[in-house]
All heavy atoms as atom14 arrays in JSON, in Angstrom:
{
  "sequence": "PRYYEDKPEGCVSAGVKEDLGVCLLQSDCVLKEGKSPPQCLKAAKCK",
  "atom14_mask": [
    [1, 1, 1, 1, 1, 1, 1, 0, 0, 0, 0, 0, 0, 0],
    [1, 1, 1, 1, 1, 1, 1, 1, 1, 1, 1, 0, 0, 0],
    [1, 1, 1, 1, 1, 1, 1, 1, 1, 1, 1, 1, 0, 0],
    [1, 1, 1, 1, 1, 1, 1, 1, 1, 1, 1, 1, 0, 0],
    [1, 1, 1, 1, 1, 1, 1, 1, 1, 0, 0, 0, 0, 0],
    [1, 1, 1, 1, 1, 1, 1, 1, 0, 0, 0, 0, 0, 0],
    [1, 1, 1, 1, 1, 1, 1, 1, 1, 0, 0, 0, 0, 0],
    [1, 1, 1, 1, 1, 1, 1, 0, 0, 0, 0, 0, 0, 0],
    [1, 1, 1, 1, 1, 1, 1, 1, 1, 0, 0, 0, 0, 0],
    [1, 1, 1, 1, 0, 0, 0, 0, 0, 0, 0, 0, 0, 0],
    [1, 1, 1, 1, 1, 1, 0, 0, 0, 0, 0, 0, 0, 0],
    [1, 1, 1, 1, 1, 1, 1, 0, 0, 0, 0, 0, 0, 0],
    [1, 1, 1, 1, 1, 1, 0, 0, 0, 0, 0, 0, 0, 0],
    [1, 1, 1, 1, 1, 0, 0, 0, 0, 0, 0, 0, 0, 0],
    [1, 1, 1, 1, 0, 0, 0, 0, 0, 0, 0, 0, 0, 0],
    [1, 1, 1, 1, 1, 1, 1, 0, 0, 0, 0, 0, 0, 0],
    [1, 1, 1, 1, 1, 1, 1, 1, 1, 0, 0, 0, 0, 0],
    [1, 1, 1, 1, 1, 1, 1, 1, 1, 0, 0, 0, 0, 0],
    [1, 1, 1, 1, 1, 1, 1, 1, 0, 0, 0, 0, 0, 0],
    [1, 1, 1, 1, 1, 1, 1, 1, 0, 0, 0, 0, 0, 0],
    [1, 1, 1, 1, 0, 0, 0, 0, 0, 0, 0, 0, 0, 0],
    [1, 1, 1, 1, 1, 1, 1, 0, 0, 0, 0, 0, 0, 0],
    [1, 1, 1, 1, 1, 1, 0, 0, 0, 0, 0, 0, 0, 0],
    [1, 1, 1, 1, 1, 1, 1, 1, 0, 0, 0, 0, 0, 0],
    [1, 1, 1, 1, 1, 1, 1, 1, 0, 0, 0, 0, 0, 0],
    [1, 1, 1, 1, 1, 1, 1, 1, 1, 0, 0, 0, 0, 0],
    [1, 1, 1, 1, 1, 1, 0, 0, 0, 0, 0, 0, 0, 0],
    [1, 1, 1, 1, 1, 1, 1, 1, 0, 0, 0, 0, 0, 0],
    [1, 1, 1, 1, 1, 1, 0, 0, 0, 0, 0, 0, 0, 0],
    [1, 1, 1, 1, 1, 1, 1, 0, 0, 0, 0, 0, 0, 0],
    [1, 1, 1, 1, 1, 1, 1, 1, 0, 0, 0, 0, 0, 0],
    [1, 1, 1, 1, 1, 1, 1, 1, 1, 0, 0, 0, 0, 0],
    [1, 1, 1, 1, 1, 1, 1, 1, 1, 0, 0, 0, 0, 0],
    [1, 1, 1, 1, 0, 0, 0, 0, 0, 0, 0, 0, 0, 0],
    [1, 1, 1, 1, 1, 1, 1, 1, 1, 0, 0, 0, 0, 0],
    [1, 1, 1, 1, 1, 1, 0, 0, 0, 0, 0, 0, 0, 0],
    [1, 1, 1, 1, 1, 1, 1, 0, 0, 0, 0, 0, 0, 0],
    [1, 1, 1, 1, 1, 1, 1, 0, 0, 0, 0, 0, 0, 0],
    [1, 1, 1, 1, 1, 1, 1, 1, 1, 0, 0, 0, 0, 0],
    [1, 1, 1, 1, 1, 1, 0, 0, 0, 0, 0, 0, 0, 0],
    [1, 1, 1, 1, 1, 1, 1, 1, 0, 0, 0, 0, 0, 0],
    [1, 1, 1, 1, 1, 1, 1, 1, 1, 0, 0, 0, 0, 0],
    [1, 1, 1, 1, 1, 0, 0, 0, 0, 0, 0, 0, 0, 0],
    [1, 1, 1, 1, 1, 0, 0, 0, 0, 0, 0, 0, 0, 0],
    [1, 1, 1, 1, 1, 1, 1, 1, 1, 0, 0, 0, 0, 0],
    [1, 1, 1, 1, 1, 1, 0, 0, 0, 0, 0, 0, 0, 0],
    [1, 1, 1, 1, 1, 1, 1, 1, 1, 0, 0, 0, 0, 0]
  ],
  "atom14_positions": [
    [[0.81, -1.21, 0.0], [0.0, 0.0, 0.0], [0.85, 1.26, 0.0], [1.92, 1.31, 0.59], [-0.81, -0.08, 1.29], [-0.38, -1.28, 2.0], [0.62, -2.01, 1.19], [0.0, 0.0, 0.0], [0.0, 0.0, 0.0], [0.0, 0.0, 0.0], [0.0, 0.0, 0.0], [0.0, 0.0, 0.0], [0.0, 0.0, 0.0], [0.0, 0.0, 0.0]],
    [[0.35, 2.24, -0.69], [1.0, 3.55, -0.7], [0.11, 4.53, 0.03], [-1.1, 4.36, 0.07], [1.2, 4.03, -2.14], [2.17, 3.19, -2.91], [2.46, 3.9, -4.19], [2.21, 2.97, -5.27], [2.04, 3.31, -6.52], [2.05, 4.57, -6.87], [1.83, 2.43, -7.44], [0.0, 0.0, 0.0], [0.0, 0.0, 0.0], [0.0, 0.0, 0.0]],
    [[0.73, 5.55, 0.58], [-0.03, 6.55, 1.3], [0.14, 7.88, 0.59], [1.23, 8.26, 0.19], [0.45, 6.65, 2.75], [0.26, 5.35, 3.47], [1.3, 4.45, 3.61], [-0.98, 5.0, 3.96], [1.11, 3.24, 4.24], [-1.18, 3.79, 4.59], [-0.13, 2.93, 4.73], [-0.33, 1.73, 5.35], [0.0, 0.0, 0.0], [0.0, 0.0, 0.0]],
    [[-0.96, 8.58, 0.42], [-0.97, 9.8, -0.37], [-1.4, 10.96, 0.51], [-2.49, 10.96, 1.05], [-1.94, 9.65, -1.53], [-1.66, 8.45, -2.38], [-2.32, 7.24, -2.17], [-0.71, 8.51, -3.37], [-2.05, 6.14, -2.94], [-0.44, 7.41, -4.16], [-1.12, 6.23, -3.94], [-0.85, 5.14, -4.7], [0.0, 0.0, 0.0], [0.0, 0.0, 0.0]],
    [[-0.53, 11.94, 0.64], [-0.88, 13.13, 1.41], [-1.5, 14.21, 0.53], [-2.19, 15.08, 1.01], [0.35, 13.71, 2.11], [0.83, 12.9, 3.29], [1.8, 11.81, 2.89], [2.51, 11.98, 1.87], [1.86, 10.79, 3.59], [0.0, 0.0, 0.0], [0.0, 0.0, 0.0], [0.0, 0.0, 0.0], [0.0, 0.0, 0.0], [0.0, 0.0, 0.0]],
    [[-1.24, 14.18, -0.77], [-1.69, 15.26, -1.64], [-3.02, 14.95, -2.33], [-3.37, 15.61, -3.29], [-0.62, 15.57, -2.68], [-0.25, 14.36, -3.52], [-0.51, 13.23, -3.08], [0.31, 14.56, -4.61], [0.0, 0.0, 0.0], [0.0, 0.0, 0.0], [0.0, 0.0, 0.0], [0.0, 0.0, 0.0], [0.0, 0.0, 0.0], [0.0, 0.0, 0.0]],
    [[-3.78, 13.99, -1.86], [-5.08, 13.68, -2.43], [-6.11, 14.71, -1.95], [-6.01, 15.23, -0.84], [-5.55, 12.28, -2.02], [-4.75, 11.19, -2.66], [-5.07, 11.1, -4.12], [-4.25, 9.99, -4.75], [-4.38, 9.93, -6.16], [0.0, 0.0, 0.0], [0.0, 0.0, 0.0], [0.0, 0.0, 0.0], [0.0, 0.0, 0.0], [0.0, 0.0, 0.0]],
    [[-7.12, 15.0, -2.73], [-8.17, 15.92, -2.29], [-8.93, 15.37, -1.09], [-9.06, 14.16, -0.93], [-9.09, 16.04, -3.49], [-8.43, 15.34, -4.61], [-7.3, 14.53, -4.08], [0.0, 0.0, 0.0], [0.0, 0.0, 0.0], [0.0, 0.0, 0.0], [0.0, 0.0, 0.0], [0.0, 0.0, 0.0], [0.0, 0.0, 0.0], [0.0, 0.0, 0.0]],
    [[-9.43, 16.25, -0.25], [-10.14, 15.85, 0.97], [-11.47, 15.17, 0.67], [-11.92, 14.34, 1.41], [-10.37, 17.07, 1.87], [-9.12, 17.56, 2.55], [-8.56, 16.56, 3.52], [-9.33, 15.92, 4.24], [-7.33, 16.41, 3.56], [0.0, 0.0, 0.0], [0.0, 0.0, 0.0], [0.0, 0.0, 0.0], [0.0, 0.0, 0.0], [0.0, 0.0, 0.0]],
    [[-12.13, 15.54, -0.41], [-13.44, 14.98, -0.72], [-13.4, 13.55, -1.19], [-14.38, 12.85, -1.19], [0.0, 0.0, 0.0], [0.0, 0.0, 0.0], [0.0, 0.0, 0.0], [0.0, 0.0, 0.0], [0.0, 0.0, 0.0], [0.0, 0.0, 0.0], [0.0, 0.0, 0.0], [0.0, 0.0, 0.0], [0.0, 0.0, 0.0], [0.0, 0.0, 0.0]],
    [[-12.26, 13.07, -1.58], [-12.11, 11.74, -2.14], [-11.46, 10.82, -1.1], [-10.25, 10.71, -1.04], [-11.29, 11.81, -3.42], [-11.34, 10.33, -4.38], [0.0, 0.0, 0.0], [0.0, 0.0, 0.0], [0.0, 0.0, 0.0], [0.0, 0.0, 0.0], [0.0, 0.0, 0.0], [0.0, 0.0, 0.0], [0.0, 0.0, 0.0], [0.0, 0.0, 0.0]],
    [[-12.27, 10.19, -0.28], [-11.77, 9.43, 0.86], [-11.06, 8.15, 0.43], [-9.97, 7.86, 0.89], [-12.94, 9.08, 1.81], [-12.46, 8.22, 2.95], [-13.57, 10.34, 2.33], [0.0, 0.0, 0.0], [0.0, 0.0, 0.0], [0.0, 0.0, 0.0], [0.0, 0.0, 0.0], [0.0, 0.0, 0.0], [0.0, 0.0, 0.0], [0.0, 0.0, 0.0]],
    [[-11.64, 7.41, -0.47], [-11.1, 6.09, -0.8], [-10.27, 6.1, -2.09], [-10.08, 5.05, -2.7], [-12.24, 5.08, -0.91], [-13.19, 5.54, -1.83], [0.0, 0.0, 0.0], [0.0, 0.0, 0.0], [0.0, 0.0, 0.0], [0.0, 0.0, 0.0], [0.0, 0.0, 0.0], [0.0, 0.0, 0.0], [0.0, 0.0, 0.0], [0.0, 0.0, 0.0]],
    [[-9.75, 7.24, -2.49], [-8.97, 7.32, -3.72], [-7.66, 6.55, -3.6], [-7.23, 5.9, -4.56], [-8.69, 8.77, -4.09], [0.0, 0.0, 0.0], [0.0, 0.0, 0.0], [0.0, 0.0, 0.0], [0.0, 0.0, 0.0], [0.0, 0.0, 0.0], [0.0, 0.0, 0.0], [0.0, 0.0, 0.0], [0.0, 0.0, 0.0], [0.0, 0.0, 0.0]],
    [[-7.02, 6.61, -2.44], [-5.77, 5.89, -2.26], [-5.95, 4.38, -2.31], [-5.16, 3.67, -2.92], [0.0, 0.0, 0.0], [0.0, 0.0, 0.0], [0.0, 0.0, 0.0], [0.0, 0.0, 0.0], [0.0, 0.0, 0.0], [0.0, 0.0, 0.0], [0.0, 0.0, 0.0], [0.0, 0.0, 0.0], [0.0, 0.0, 0.0], [0.0, 0.0, 0.0]],
    [[-7.02, 3.88, -1.7], [-7.31, 2.45, -1.71], [-7.67, 2.0, -3.13], [-7.24, 0.94, -3.59], [-8.44, 2.1, -0.73], [-8.77, 0.63, -0.78], [-8.08, 2.51, 0.68], [0.0, 0.0, 0.0], [0.0, 0.0, 0.0], [0.0, 0.0, 0.0], [0.0, 0.0, 0.0], [0.0, 0.0, 0.0], [0.0, 0.0, 0.0], [0.0, 0.0, 0.0]],
    [[-8.41, 2.85, -3.84], [-8.79, 2.53, -5.21], [-7.56, 2.45, -6.12], [-7.43, 1.55, -6.94], [-9.75, 3.58, -5.74], [-10.24, 3.33, -7.14], [-11.21, 4.4, -7.57], [-11.72, 4.17, -8.97], [-12.63, 5.25, -9.4], [0.0, 0.0, 0.0], [0.0, 0.0, 0.0], [0.0, 0.0, 0.0], [0.0, 0.0, 0.0], [0.0, 0.0, 0.0]],
    [[-6.65, 3.38, -5.94], [-5.43, 3.38, -6.75], [-4.54, 2.18, -6.41], [-3.97, 1.56, -7.3], [-4.67, 4.69, -6.54], [-3.58, 4.9, -7.55], [-3.06, 6.32, -7.53], [-3.81, 7.24, -7.16], [-1.89, 6.5, -7.9], [0.0, 0.0, 0.0], [0.0, 0.0, 0.0], [0.0, 0.0, 0.0], [0.0, 0.0, 0.0], [0.0, 0.0, 0.0]],
    [[-4.44, 1.84, -5.13], [-3.66, 0.66, -4.72], [-4.26, -0.63, -5.28], [-3.54, -1.53, -5.7], [-3.57, 0.57, -3.21], [-2.67, 1.62, -2.61], [-1.82, 2.16, -3.35], [-2.81, 1.89, -1.4], [0.0, 0.0, 0.0], [0.0, 0.0, 0.0], [0.0, 0.0, 0.0], [0.0, 0.0, 0.0], [0.0, 0.0, 0.0], [0.0, 0.0, 0.0]],
    [[-5.6, -0.7, -5.3], [-6.27, -1.87, -5.86], [-5.99, -1.98, -7.35], [-5.74, -3.07, -7.87], [-7.78, -1.79, -5.59], [-8.64, -2.93, -6.11], [-8.22, -4.25, -5.49], [-10.1, -2.66, -5.84], [0.0, 0.0, 0.0], [0.0, 0.0, 0.0], [0.0, 0.0, 0.0], [0.0, 0.0, 0.0], [0.0, 0.0, 0.0], [0.0, 0.0, 0.0]],
    [[-6.02, -0.86, -8.06], [-5.72, -0.88, -9.48], [-4.3, -1.31, -9.78], [-4.06, -2.11, -10.69], [0.0, 0.0, 0.0], [0.0, 0.0, 0.0], [0.0, 0.0, 0.0], [0.0, 0.0, 0.0], [0.0, 0.0, 0.0], [0.0, 0.0, 0.0], [0.0, 0.0, 0.0], [0.0, 0.0, 0.0], [0.0, 0.0, 0.0], [0.0, 0.0, 0.0]],
    [[-3.36, -0.83, -8.99], [-1.95, -1.21, -9.17], [-1.77, -2.7, -8.86], [-1.06, -3.41, -9.58], [-1.03, -0.33, -8.29], [0.37, -0.88, -8.25], [-1.03, 1.09, -8.8], [0.0, 0.0, 0.0], [0.0, 0.0, 0.0], [0.0, 0.0, 0.0], [0.0, 0.0, 0.0], [0.0, 0.0, 0.0], [0.0, 0.0, 0.0], [0.0, 0.0, 0.0]],
    [[-2.41, -3.16, -7.82], [-2.31, -4.57, -7.45], [-2.86, -5.46, -8.56], [-2.27, -6.49, -8.91], [-3.06, -4.82, -6.14], [-3.05, -6.53, -5.59], [0.0, 0.0, 0.0], [0.0, 0.0, 0.0], [0.0, 0.0, 0.0], [0.0, 0.0, 0.0], [0.0, 0.0, 0.0], [0.0, 0.0, 0.0], [0.0, 0.0, 0.0], [0.0, 0.0, 0.0]],
    [[-3.99, -5.07, -9.14], [-4.58, -5.86, -10.22], [-3.7, -5.85, -11.46], [-3.53, -6.87, -12.13], [-5.97, -5.34, -10.56], [-7.06, -5.69, -9.57], [-8.35, -4.97, -9.93], [-7.3, -7.18, -9.54], [0.0, 0.0, 0.0], [0.0, 0.0, 0.0], [0.0, 0.0, 0.0], [0.0, 0.0, 0.0], [0.0, 0.0, 0.0], [0.0, 0.0, 0.0]],
    [[-3.15, -4.69, -11.8], [-2.32, -4.6, -13.0], [-1.01, -5.35, -12.87], [-0.43, -5.77, -13.86], [-2.05, -3.13, -13.34], [-3.27, -2.36, -13.85], [-2.91, -0.9, -14.05], [-3.79, -2.97, -15.14], [0.0, 0.0, 0.0], [0.0, 0.0, 0.0], [0.0, 0.0, 0.0], [0.0, 0.0, 0.0], [0.0, 0.0, 0.0], [0.0, 0.0, 0.0]],
    [[-0.53, -5.54, -11.64], [0.72, -6.27, -11.42], [0.51, -7.74, -11.1], [1.47, -8.46, -10.89], [1.51, -5.61, -10.28], [2.01, -4.24, -10.62], [2.7, -3.58, -9.45], [2.66, -4.06, -8.33], [3.32, -2.44, -9.72], [0.0, 0.0, 0.0], [0.0, 0.0, 0.0], [0.0, 0.0, 0.0], [0.0, 0.0, 0.0], [0.0, 0.0, 0.0]],
    [[-0.73, -8.19, -11.09], [-1.0, -9.59, -10.75], [-0.67, -10.5, -11.94], [-0.61, -10.09, -13.1], [-2.47, -9.76, -10.35], [-3.3, -9.55, -11.47], [0.0, 0.0, 0.0], [0.0, 0.0, 0.0], [0.0, 0.0, 0.0], [0.0, 0.0, 0.0], [0.0, 0.0, 0.0], [0.0, 0.0, 0.0], [0.0, 0.0, 0.0], [0.0, 0.0, 0.0]],
    [[-0.45, -11.77, -11.64], [-0.13, -12.75, -12.67], [-1.31, -12.99, -13.61], [-1.13, -13.33, -14.77], [0.28, -14.08, -12.03], [1.63, -13.99, -11.35], [2.41, -13.1, -11.71], [1.88, -14.82, -10.46], [0.0, 0.0, 0.0], [0.0, 0.0, 0.0], [0.0, 0.0, 0.0], [0.0, 0.0, 0.0], [0.0, 0.0, 0.0], [0.0, 0.0, 0.0]],
    [[-2.5, -12.79, -13.1], [-3.7, -12.99, -13.9], [-3.71, -12.04, -15.11], [-4.03, -12.44, -16.21], [-4.93, -12.76, -13.02], [-6.49, -13.0, -13.86], [0.0, 0.0, 0.0], [0.0, 0.0, 0.0], [0.0, 0.0, 0.0], [0.0, 0.0, 0.0], [0.0, 0.0, 0.0], [0.0, 0.0, 0.0], [0.0, 0.0, 0.0], [0.0, 0.0, 0.0]],
    [[-3.33, -10.8, -14.89], [-3.32, -9.81, -15.97], [-2.07, -9.96, -16.82], [-2.13, -9.95, -18.06], [-3.41, -8.37, -15.4], [-3.23, -7.34, -16.48], [-4.74, -8.16, -14.71], [0.0, 0.0, 0.0], [0.0, 0.0, 0.0], [0.0, 0.0, 0.0], [0.0, 0.0, 0.0], [0.0, 0.0, 0.0], [0.0, 0.0, 0.0], [0.0, 0.0, 0.0]],
    [[-0.92, -10.1, -16.18], [0.35, -10.12, -16.91], [0.56, -11.41, -17.7], [0.94, -11.35, -18.87], [1.52, -9.92, -15.94], [1.56, -8.55, -15.24], [2.71, -8.52, -14.25], [1.7, -7.44, -16.26], [0.0, 0.0, 0.0], [0.0, 0.0, 0.0], [0.0, 0.0, 0.0], [0.0, 0.0, 0.0], [0.0, 0.0, 0.0], [0.0, 0.0, 0.0]],
    [[0.33, -12.55, -17.09], [0.64, -13.82, -17.75], [-0.54, -14.41, -18.52], [-0.37, -14.95, -19.6], [1.14, -14.83, -16.72], [2.48, -14.45, -16.14], [2.97, -15.48, -15.18], [4.33, -15.05, -14.61], [4.78, -16.0, -13.59], [0.0, 0.0, 0.0], [0.0, 0.0, 0.0], [0.0, 0.0, 0.0], [0.0, 0.0, 0.0], [0.0, 0.0, 0.0]],
    [[-1.73, -14.31, -17.94], [-2.9, -14.91, -18.58], [-3.58, -13.97, -19.56], [-4.4, -14.4, -20.36], [-3.89, -15.37, -17.51], [-3.32, -16.46, -16.62], [-4.26, -16.84, -15.5], [-5.46, -16.51, -15.59], [-3.79, -17.46, -14.53], [0.0, 0.0, 0.0], [0.0, 0.0, 0.0], [0.0, 0.0, 0.0], [0.0, 0.0, 0.0], [0.0, 0.0, 0.0]],
    [[-3.3, -12.68, -19.48], [-3.86, -11.72, -20.43], [-5.31, -11.36, -20.21], [-5.97, -10.84, -21.1], [0.0, 0.0, 0.0], [0.0, 0.0, 0.0], [0.0, 0.0, 0.0], [0.0, 0.0, 0.0], [0.0, 0.0, 0.0], [0.0, 0.0, 0.0], [0.0, 0.0, 0.0], [0.0, 0.0, 0.0], [0.0, 0.0, 0.0], [0.0, 0.0, 0.0]],
    [[-5.82, -11.59, -19.01], [-7.22, -11.24, -18.71], [-7.31, -9.77, -18.35], [-6.32, -9.12, -18.04], [-7.74, -12.09, -17.56], [-7.84, -13.56, -17.87], [-8.4, -14.31, -16.69], [-8.49, -15.78, -16.98], [-8.99, -16.54, -15.83], [0.0, 0.0, 0.0], [0.0, 0.0, 0.0], [0.0, 0.0, 0.0], [0.0, 0.0, 0.0], [0.0, 0.0, 0.0]],
    [[-8.51, -9.24, -18.35], [-8.71, -7.85, -17.96], [-8.77, -7.75, -16.43], [-9.09, -8.73, -15.76], [-10.0, -7.31, -18.58], [-11.11, -7.95, -18.02], [0.0, 0.0, 0.0], [0.0, 0.0, 0.0], [0.0, 0.0, 0.0], [0.0, 0.0, 0.0], [0.0, 0.0, 0.0], [0.0, 0.0, 0.0], [0.0, 0.0, 0.0], [0.0, 0.0, 0.0]],
    [[-8.47, -6.57, -15.87], [-8.53, -6.42, -14.41], [-9.89, -6.75, -13.78], [-9.93, -7.36, -12.72], [-8.13, -4.97, -14.18], [-7.24, -4.67, -15.33], [-7.82, -5.42, -16.49], [0.0, 0.0, 0.0], [0.0, 0.0, 0.0], [0.0, 0.0, 0.0], [0.0, 0.0, 0.0], [0.0, 0.0, 0.0], [0.0, 0.0, 0.0], [0.0, 0.0, 0.0]],
    [[-11.02, -6.38, -14.4], [-12.3, -6.79, -13.78], [-12.48, -8.3, -13.72], [-13.1, -8.81, -12.79], [-13.36, -6.15, -14.68], [-12.69, -4.99, -15.29], [-11.27, -5.41, -15.48], [0.0, 0.0, 0.0], [0.0, 0.0, 0.0], [0.0, 0.0, 0.0], [0.0, 0.0, 0.0], [0.0, 0.0, 0.0], [0.0, 0.0, 0.0], [0.0, 0.0, 0.0]],
    [[-11.93, -9.01, -14.69], [-12.02, -10.47, -14.65], [-11.14, -11.04, -13.54], [-11.47, -12.06, -12.94], [-11.6, -11.07, -15.99], [-12.56, -10.79, -17.11], [-12.02, -11.27, -18.45], [-10.82, -11.46, -18.61], [-12.92, -11.44, -19.4], [0.0, 0.0, 0.0], [0.0, 0.0, 0.0], [0.0, 0.0, 0.0], [0.0, 0.0, 0.0], [0.0, 0.0, 0.0]],
    [[-10.02, -10.38, -13.27], [-9.09, -10.85, -12.25], [-9.44, -10.37, -10.85], [-8.77, -10.72, -9.89], [-7.68, -10.39, -12.6], [-7.05, -11.1, -14.13], [0.0, 0.0, 0.0], [0.0, 0.0, 0.0], [0.0, 0.0, 0.0], [0.0, 0.0, 0.0], [0.0, 0.0, 0.0], [0.0, 0.0, 0.0], [0.0, 0.0, 0.0], [0.0, 0.0, 0.0]],
    [[-10.47, -9.55, -10.73], [-10.85, -9.0, -9.43], [-11.32, -10.1, -8.48], [-11.21, -9.96, -7.27], [-11.94, -7.95, -9.61], [-12.27, -7.07, -8.43], [-11.04, -6.32, -7.96], [-13.36, -6.09, -8.79], [0.0, 0.0, 0.0], [0.0, 0.0, 0.0], [0.0, 0.0, 0.0], [0.0, 0.0, 0.0], [0.0, 0.0, 0.0], [0.0, 0.0, 0.0]],
    [[-11.8, -11.19, -9.03], [-12.28, -12.29, -8.2], [-11.14, -13.16, -7.67], [-11.36, -14.01, -6.83], [-13.26, -13.14, -8.99], [-14.51, -12.38, -9.36], [-15.43, -13.2, -10.2], [-16.63, -12.35, -10.62], [-17.5, -13.05, -11.54], [0.0, 0.0, 0.0], [0.0, 0.0, 0.0], [0.0, 0.0, 0.0], [0.0, 0.0, 0.0], [0.0, 0.0, 0.0]],
    [[-9.92, -12.95, -8.15], [-8.77, -13.73, -7.69], [-8.45, -13.36, -6.24], [-8.8, -12.3, -5.75], [-7.57, -13.47, -8.58], [0.0, 0.0, 0.0], [0.0, 0.0, 0.0], [0.0, 0.0, 0.0], [0.0, 0.0, 0.0], [0.0, 0.0, 0.0], [0.0, 0.0, 0.0], [0.0, 0.0, 0.0], [0.0, 0.0, 0.0], [0.0, 0.0, 0.0]],
    [[-7.76, -14.24, -5.56], [-7.51, -14.07, -4.13], [-6.34, -13.14, -3.82], [-6.12, -12.79, -2.68], [-7.26, -15.43, -3.49], [0.0, 0.0, 0.0], [0.0, 0.0, 0.0], [0.0, 0.0, 0.0], [0.0, 0.0, 0.0], [0.0, 0.0, 0.0], [0.0, 0.0, 0.0], [0.0, 0.0, 0.0], [0.0, 0.0, 0.0], [0.0, 0.0, 0.0]],
    [[-5.56, -12.72, -4.81], [-4.36, -11.95, -4.53], [-4.67, -10.57, -3.94], [-4.04, -10.16, -2.99], [-3.53, -11.78, -5.81], [-2.3, -10.96, -5.6], [-1.28, -11.23, -6.66], [-0.1, -10.32, -6.6], [0.55, -10.17, -5.35], [0.0, 0.0, 0.0], [0.0, 0.0, 0.0], [0.0, 0.0, 0.0], [0.0, 0.0, 0.0], [0.0, 0.0, 0.0]],
    [[-5.6, -9.85, -4.46], [-5.91, -8.47, -4.02], [-7.17, -8.43, -3.16], [-7.86, -7.4, -3.13], [-6.06, -7.57, -5.23], [-4.61, -7.51, -6.29], [0.0, 0.0, 0.0], [0.0, 0.0, 0.0], [0.0, 0.0, 0.0], [0.0, 0.0, 0.0], [0.0, 0.0, 0.0], [0.0, 0.0, 0.0], [0.0, 0.0, 0.0], [0.0, 0.0, 0.0]],
    [[-7.47, -9.5, -2.48], [-8.72, -9.59, -1.74], [-8.8, -8.6, -0.57], [-9.85, -8.04, -0.3], [-8.91, -11.01, -1.23], [-10.32, -11.31, -0.87], [-10.53, -12.8, -0.83], [-11.88, -13.04, -1.42], [-12.15, -14.3, -1.92], [0.0, 0.0, 0.0], [0.0, 0.0, 0.0], [0.0, 0.0, 0.0], [0.0, 0.0, 0.0], [0.0, 0.0, 0.0]]
  ]
}
């Protein structure tokens, strides 16, 4: 996880959303199997 101090105050879960996106894009499901991130969201890695 990364922590962001410069995020806007109105966007509470922006840091978690960005970390989830990075986790999905770096997962083996996307990189090796070539699936899209929404398809890999059900995988246990970024649960």
